[in-house]
Amino acid sequence: MVQCDSTRLDASFAALSDATRRGVLDLLGQHDASISDLAKRFHMSLTGMKKHVSVLEDAGLVTTEKVGRVRTCKLGPRPLNQEAAWIESFRQQWAARFEALDNLLEELTEENKRDGR
């Protein structure tokens, strides 16, 4: 099992658990945007979008900068390497289990053929 900072994983997965926040990340991957622009794009109040951006910012996935009255959001500097490694460890475990199941089924099929069933 991959050793990861559980607080960081919790914050990342909590941030990624919401479809709106994933959409914000997708959009910010294309270009920076103000909170007002994000709120319009996702048909929500400015306060609602500020809360979403705050969760993303707390997880280190988004940074904001205020210039005058406009708060601009952009992708944060932190890649999701630990999160990807954590997920990959489970993918490998499941792949090994499915391979063992495939092998068992193949053995049983061969046994049945030998026994004439």
N, C-alpha and C. Protein backbone atom coordinates (compact mmCIF):
# COMPACT_ATOMS: atom_id res chain seq x y z
N MET A 1 0.84 -1.18 0.00
CA MET A 1 0.00 0.00 0.00
C MET A 1 0.88 1.24 0.00
N VAL A 2 0.55 2.20 -0.80
CA VAL A 2 1.30 3.44 -0.90
C VAL A 2 1.06 4.26 0.35
N GLN A 3 2.14 4.80 0.92
CA GLN A 3 2.03 5.65 2.09
C GLN A 3 1.80 7.09 1.63
N CYS A 4 0.72 7.69 2.06
CA CYS A 4 0.37 9.05 1.68
C CYS A 4 -0.09 9.81 2.91
N ASP A 5 0.00 11.11 2.84
CA ASP A 5 -0.51 11.98 3.89
C ASP A 5 -2.03 11.92 3.83
N SER A 6 -2.65 11.32 4.85
CA SER A 6 -4.10 11.12 4.81
C SER A 6 -4.86 12.45 4.84
N THR A 7 -4.33 13.46 5.48
CA THR A 7 -5.01 14.76 5.50
C THR A 7 -5.06 15.33 4.09
N ARG A 8 -3.95 15.19 3.39
CA ARG A 8 -3.89 15.70 2.01
C ARG A 8 -4.83 14.90 1.11
N LEU A 9 -4.82 13.58 1.26
CA LEU A 9 -5.73 12.75 0.46
C LEU A 9 -7.19 13.11 0.75
N ASP A 10 -7.51 13.26 2.03
CA ASP A 10 -8.89 13.62 2.40
C ASP A 10 -9.31 14.93 1.75
N ALA A 11 -8.44 15.93 1.81
CA ALA A 11 -8.76 17.24 1.22
C ALA A 11 -8.92 17.13 -0.29
N SER A 12 -8.04 16.40 -0.92
CA SER A 12 -8.10 16.26 -2.38
C SER A 12 -9.36 15.54 -2.82
N PHE A 13 -9.63 14.39 -2.19
CA PHE A 13 -10.81 13.63 -2.61
C PHE A 13 -12.10 14.34 -2.22
N ALA A 14 -12.11 15.07 -1.12
CA ALA A 14 -13.30 15.86 -0.78
C ALA A 14 -13.53 16.93 -1.84
N ALA A 15 -12.45 17.57 -2.27
CA ALA A 15 -12.58 18.59 -3.30
C ALA A 15 -13.04 17.99 -4.63
N LEU A 16 -12.52 16.82 -4.96
CA LEU A 16 -12.85 16.19 -6.23
C LEU A 16 -14.19 15.46 -6.23
N SER A 17 -14.80 15.32 -5.05
CA SER A 17 -16.04 14.56 -4.95
C SER A 17 -17.24 15.31 -5.53
N ASP A 18 -17.10 16.58 -5.78
CA ASP A 18 -18.22 17.38 -6.26
C ASP A 18 -18.07 17.66 -7.75
N ALA A 19 -19.14 17.45 -8.50
CA ALA A 19 -19.11 17.63 -9.95
C ALA A 19 -18.81 19.08 -10.34
N THR A 20 -19.33 20.03 -9.60
CA THR A 20 -19.06 21.43 -9.92
C THR A 20 -17.58 21.73 -9.77
N ARG A 21 -16.98 21.26 -8.68
CA ARG A 21 -15.55 21.51 -8.46
C ARG A 21 -14.70 20.83 -9.53
N ARG A 22 -15.09 19.61 -9.94
CA ARG A 22 -14.36 18.96 -11.04
C ARG A 22 -14.50 19.78 -12.32
N GLY A 23 -15.69 20.33 -12.54
CA GLY A 23 -15.91 21.18 -13.71
C GLY A 23 -15.07 22.43 -13.66
N VAL A 24 -14.94 23.02 -12.49
CA VAL A 24 -14.10 24.21 -12.32
C VAL A 24 -12.65 23.86 -12.67
N LEU A 25 -12.17 22.73 -12.19
CA LEU A 25 -10.80 22.32 -12.50
C LEU A 25 -10.62 22.11 -14.00
N ASP A 26 -11.61 21.48 -14.65
CA ASP A 26 -11.54 21.29 -16.10
C ASP A 26 -11.44 22.64 -16.81
N LEU A 27 -12.27 23.57 -16.41
CA LEU A 27 -12.27 24.89 -17.04
C LEU A 27 -10.96 25.63 -16.79
N LEU A 28 -10.47 25.58 -15.55
CA LEU A 28 -9.22 26.27 -15.24
C LEU A 28 -8.02 25.60 -15.92
N GLY A 29 -8.17 24.36 -16.30
CA GLY A 29 -7.12 23.70 -17.09
C GLY A 29 -7.00 24.30 -18.48
N GLN A 30 -8.05 24.96 -18.93
CA GLN A 30 -8.04 25.60 -20.25
C GLN A 30 -7.61 27.05 -20.17
N HIS A 31 -8.08 27.74 -19.11
CA HIS A 31 -7.73 29.16 -18.95
C HIS A 31 -8.12 29.63 -17.56
N ASP A 32 -7.44 30.66 -17.09
CA ASP A 32 -7.79 31.27 -15.80
C ASP A 32 -9.16 31.92 -15.91
N ALA A 33 -9.83 32.08 -14.77
CA ALA A 33 -11.16 32.69 -14.79
C ALA A 33 -11.42 33.38 -13.46
N SER A 34 -12.23 34.41 -13.51
CA SER A 34 -12.63 35.08 -12.27
C SER A 34 -13.72 34.26 -11.60
N ILE A 35 -13.90 34.50 -10.31
CA ILE A 35 -14.97 33.81 -9.59
C ILE A 35 -16.32 34.19 -10.19
N SER A 36 -16.47 35.43 -10.61
CA SER A 36 -17.72 35.86 -11.25
C SER A 36 -17.98 35.09 -12.53
N ASP A 37 -16.94 34.92 -13.34
CA ASP A 37 -17.10 34.15 -14.59
C ASP A 37 -17.47 32.70 -14.29
N LEU A 38 -16.83 32.12 -13.29
CA LEU A 38 -17.13 30.73 -12.92
C LEU A 38 -18.57 30.61 -12.43
N ALA A 39 -19.01 31.57 -11.61
CA ALA A 39 -20.38 31.54 -11.10
C ALA A 39 -21.39 31.59 -12.24
N LYS A 40 -21.15 32.45 -13.22
CA LYS A 40 -22.04 32.54 -14.39
C LYS A 40 -22.02 31.24 -15.17
N ARG A 41 -20.84 30.72 -15.40
CA ARG A 41 -20.68 29.50 -16.20
C ARG A 41 -21.42 28.31 -15.58
N PHE A 42 -21.40 28.24 -14.23
CA PHE A 42 -22.02 27.12 -13.55
C PHE A 42 -23.40 27.46 -12.98
N HIS A 43 -23.94 28.61 -13.39
CA HIS A 43 -25.30 29.03 -13.01
C HIS A 43 -25.51 28.97 -11.50
N MET A 44 -24.63 29.64 -10.78
CA MET A 44 -24.79 29.67 -9.32
C MET A 44 -24.43 31.05 -8.80
N SER A 45 -24.74 31.25 -7.54
CA SER A 45 -24.47 32.54 -6.92
C SER A 45 -22.97 32.73 -6.73
N LEU A 46 -22.58 33.97 -6.59
CA LEU A 46 -21.18 34.30 -6.33
C LEU A 46 -20.72 33.66 -5.02
N THR A 47 -21.58 33.71 -4.01
CA THR A 47 -21.26 33.11 -2.71
C THR A 47 -21.06 31.60 -2.83
N GLY A 48 -21.92 30.95 -3.59
CA GLY A 48 -21.79 29.51 -3.78
C GLY A 48 -20.48 29.15 -4.47
N MET A 49 -20.13 29.92 -5.49
CA MET A 49 -18.88 29.63 -6.21
C MET A 49 -17.67 29.92 -5.32
N LYS A 50 -17.76 30.96 -4.51
CA LYS A 50 -16.64 31.26 -3.59
C LYS A 50 -16.39 30.08 -2.66
N LYS A 51 -17.46 29.43 -2.22
CA LYS A 51 -17.31 28.28 -1.33
C LYS A 51 -16.63 27.12 -2.06
N HIS A 52 -17.04 26.87 -3.30
CA HIS A 52 -16.41 25.81 -4.09
C HIS A 52 -14.92 26.11 -4.31
N VAL A 53 -14.62 27.33 -4.68
CA VAL A 53 -13.23 27.72 -4.93
C VAL A 53 -12.42 27.61 -3.64
N SER A 54 -13.02 27.95 -2.52
CA SER A 54 -12.34 27.85 -1.23
C SER A 54 -11.94 26.40 -0.92
N VAL A 55 -12.84 25.46 -1.20
CA VAL A 55 -12.54 24.03 -0.98
C VAL A 55 -11.37 23.61 -1.87
N LEU A 56 -11.41 24.03 -3.13
CA LEU A 56 -10.33 23.70 -4.06
C LEU A 56 -9.01 24.34 -3.64
N GLU A 57 -9.11 25.55 -3.14
CA GLU A 57 -7.91 26.27 -2.69
C GLU A 57 -7.32 25.61 -1.44
N ASP A 58 -8.19 25.21 -0.51
CA ASP A 58 -7.72 24.53 0.71
C ASP A 58 -7.00 23.23 0.38
N ALA A 59 -7.42 22.57 -0.71
CA ALA A 59 -6.79 21.31 -1.13
C ALA A 59 -5.52 21.56 -1.95
N GLY A 60 -5.26 22.81 -2.25
CA GLY A 60 -4.07 23.15 -3.03
C GLY A 60 -4.24 22.94 -4.52
N LEU A 61 -5.47 22.76 -4.97
CA LEU A 61 -5.72 22.50 -6.38
C LEU A 61 -5.94 23.76 -7.20
N VAL A 62 -6.25 24.86 -6.51
CA VAL A 62 -6.52 26.14 -7.16
C VAL A 62 -5.85 27.24 -6.34
N THR A 63 -5.38 28.26 -7.03
CA THR A 63 -4.89 29.46 -6.35
C THR A 63 -5.73 30.63 -6.85
N THR A 64 -5.86 31.63 -6.00
CA THR A 64 -6.59 32.84 -6.40
C THR A 64 -5.72 34.05 -6.15
N GLU A 65 -5.99 35.09 -6.93
CA GLU A 65 -5.28 36.35 -6.79
C GLU A 65 -6.28 37.47 -6.97
N LYS A 66 -6.29 38.40 -6.04
CA LYS A 66 -7.23 39.51 -6.13
C LYS A 66 -6.51 40.73 -6.68
N VAL A 67 -7.04 41.25 -7.76
CA VAL A 67 -6.53 42.48 -8.36
C VAL A 67 -7.71 43.43 -8.46
N GLY A 68 -7.68 44.48 -7.65
CA GLY A 68 -8.82 45.38 -7.58
C GLY A 68 -10.01 44.66 -6.99
N ARG A 69 -11.11 44.63 -7.72
CA ARG A 69 -12.32 43.96 -7.24
C ARG A 69 -12.49 42.55 -7.82
N VAL A 70 -11.54 42.14 -8.65
CA VAL A 70 -11.67 40.85 -9.33
C VAL A 70 -10.73 39.82 -8.70
N ARG A 71 -11.29 38.66 -8.34
CA ARG A 71 -10.49 37.55 -7.83
C ARG A 71 -10.38 36.53 -8.95
N THR A 72 -9.15 36.34 -9.43
CA THR A 72 -8.89 35.42 -10.53
C THR A 72 -8.41 34.08 -9.99
N CYS A 73 -8.93 33.02 -10.57
CA CYS A 73 -8.58 31.65 -10.16
C CYS A 73 -7.75 31.00 -11.25
N LYS A 74 -6.79 30.19 -10.83
CA LYS A 74 -6.03 29.38 -11.76
C LYS A 74 -5.65 28.07 -11.09
N LEU A 75 -5.26 27.10 -11.87
CA LEU A 75 -4.87 25.82 -11.31
C LEU A 75 -3.71 26.02 -10.33
N GLY A 76 -3.76 25.28 -9.25
CA GLY A 76 -2.70 25.36 -8.26
C GLY A 76 -1.45 24.64 -8.73
N PRO A 77 -0.37 24.85 -8.01
CA PRO A 77 0.91 24.27 -8.42
C PRO A 77 1.06 22.79 -8.04
N ARG A 78 0.13 22.27 -7.25
CA ARG A 78 0.29 20.91 -6.72
C ARG A 78 -0.30 19.87 -7.66
N PRO A 79 0.54 18.98 -8.18
CA PRO A 79 -0.01 17.89 -8.99
C PRO A 79 -0.65 16.84 -8.09
N LEU A 80 -1.41 15.98 -8.67
CA LEU A 80 -2.12 14.94 -7.91
C LEU A 80 -1.34 13.62 -7.91
N ASN A 81 -0.02 13.70 -7.78
CA ASN A 81 0.82 12.50 -7.83
C ASN A 81 0.52 11.52 -6.70
N GLN A 82 0.39 12.01 -5.47
CA GLN A 82 0.10 11.11 -4.35
C GLN A 82 -1.26 10.45 -4.51
N GLU A 83 -2.23 11.22 -4.95
CA GLU A 83 -3.57 10.69 -5.15
C GLU A 83 -3.57 9.62 -6.25
N ALA A 84 -2.85 9.91 -7.33
CA ALA A 84 -2.76 8.95 -8.43
C ALA A 84 -2.05 7.67 -7.98
N ALA A 85 -1.01 7.80 -7.16
CA ALA A 85 -0.29 6.62 -6.65
C ALA A 85 -1.20 5.79 -5.75
N TRP A 86 -2.00 6.46 -4.93
CA TRP A 86 -2.92 5.76 -4.04
C TRP A 86 -3.94 4.96 -4.86
N ILE A 87 -4.51 5.60 -5.87
CA ILE A 87 -5.48 4.93 -6.74
C ILE A 87 -4.82 3.78 -7.49
N GLU A 88 -3.60 4.00 -7.98
CA GLU A 88 -2.88 2.96 -8.73
C GLU A 88 -2.63 1.72 -7.88
N SER A 89 -2.35 1.91 -6.59
CA SER A 89 -2.12 0.75 -5.72
C SER A 89 -3.38 -0.12 -5.65
N PHE A 90 -4.54 0.49 -5.60
CA PHE A 90 -5.78 -0.28 -5.59
C PHE A 90 -6.07 -0.90 -6.95
N ARG A 91 -5.73 -0.20 -8.02
CA ARG A 91 -5.92 -0.76 -9.35
C ARG A 91 -5.09 -2.03 -9.51
N GLN A 92 -3.86 -1.99 -9.01
CA GLN A 92 -2.99 -3.17 -9.09
C GLN A 92 -3.53 -4.32 -8.26
N GLN A 93 -4.06 -4.02 -7.08
CA GLN A 93 -4.65 -5.07 -6.25
C GLN A 93 -5.82 -5.73 -6.95
N TRP A 94 -6.70 -4.92 -7.54
CA TRP A 94 -7.86 -5.48 -8.23
C TRP A 94 -7.43 -6.25 -9.48
N ALA A 95 -6.44 -5.74 -10.19
CA ALA A 95 -5.95 -6.46 -11.37
C ALA A 95 -5.42 -7.83 -10.99
N ALA A 96 -4.68 -7.90 -9.88
CA ALA A 96 -4.16 -9.18 -9.40
C ALA A 96 -5.30 -10.13 -9.02
N ARG A 97 -6.32 -9.62 -8.39
CA ARG A 97 -7.47 -10.45 -8.01
C ARG A 97 -8.21 -10.98 -9.24
N PHE A 98 -8.40 -10.11 -10.23
CA PHE A 98 -9.08 -10.56 -11.45
C PHE A 98 -8.24 -11.58 -12.20
N GLU A 99 -6.93 -11.39 -12.20
CA GLU A 99 -6.05 -12.36 -12.86
C GLU A 99 -6.14 -13.71 -12.16
N ALA A 100 -6.16 -13.71 -10.82
CA ALA A 100 -6.30 -14.96 -10.07
C ALA A 100 -7.64 -15.63 -10.38
N LEU A 101 -8.69 -14.84 -10.48
CA LEU A 101 -10.01 -15.38 -10.82
C LEU A 101 -10.01 -15.97 -12.23
N ASP A 102 -9.39 -15.27 -13.18
CA ASP A 102 -9.28 -15.79 -14.55
C ASP A 102 -8.55 -17.12 -14.57
N ASN A 103 -7.46 -17.20 -13.80
CA ASN A 103 -6.69 -18.45 -13.74
C ASN A 103 -7.52 -19.59 -13.16
N LEU A 104 -8.27 -19.30 -12.10
CA LEU A 104 -9.12 -20.31 -11.49
C LEU A 104 -10.19 -20.79 -12.48
N LEU A 105 -10.83 -19.87 -13.15
CA LEU A 105 -11.86 -20.24 -14.13
C LEU A 105 -11.27 -21.08 -15.26
N GLU A 106 -10.07 -20.73 -15.69
CA GLU A 106 -9.40 -21.50 -16.73
C GLU A 106 -9.10 -22.92 -16.25
N GLU A 107 -8.62 -23.05 -15.01
CA GLU A 107 -8.36 -24.37 -14.44
C GLU A 107 -9.63 -25.20 -14.35
N LEU A 108 -10.71 -24.60 -13.88
CA LEU A 108 -11.98 -25.32 -13.76
C LEU A 108 -12.51 -25.74 -15.12
N THR A 109 -12.36 -24.89 -16.11
CA THR A 109 -12.80 -25.22 -17.46
C THR A 109 -12.00 -26.40 -18.00
N GLU A 110 -10.69 -26.38 -17.78
CA GLU A 110 -9.85 -27.50 -18.23
C GLU A 110 -10.22 -28.80 -17.51
N GLU A 111 -10.48 -28.71 -16.22
CA GLU A 111 -10.90 -29.89 -15.45
C GLU A 111 -12.19 -30.46 -16.01
N ASN A 112 -13.15 -29.60 -16.29
CA ASN A 112 -14.43 -30.04 -16.83
C ASN A 112 -14.25 -30.70 -18.19
N LYS A 113 -13.35 -30.18 -19.01
CA LYS A 113 -13.10 -30.78 -20.32
C LYS A 113 -12.49 -32.17 -20.16
N ARG A 114 -11.54 -32.29 -19.22
CA ARG A 114 -10.90 -33.59 -18.99
C ARG A 114 -11.90 -34.62 -18.44
N ASP A 115 -12.82 -34.17 -17.60
CA ASP A 115 -13.80 -35.07 -17.00
C ASP A 115 -14.99 -35.31 -17.92
N GLY A 116 -15.00 -34.65 -19.09
CA GLY A 116 -16.09 -34.87 -20.05
C GLY A 116 -17.36 -34.15 -19.70
N ARG A 117 -17.30 -33.13 -18.93
CA ARG A 117 -18.51 -32.37 -18.57
C ARG A 117 -18.74 -31.22 -19.48
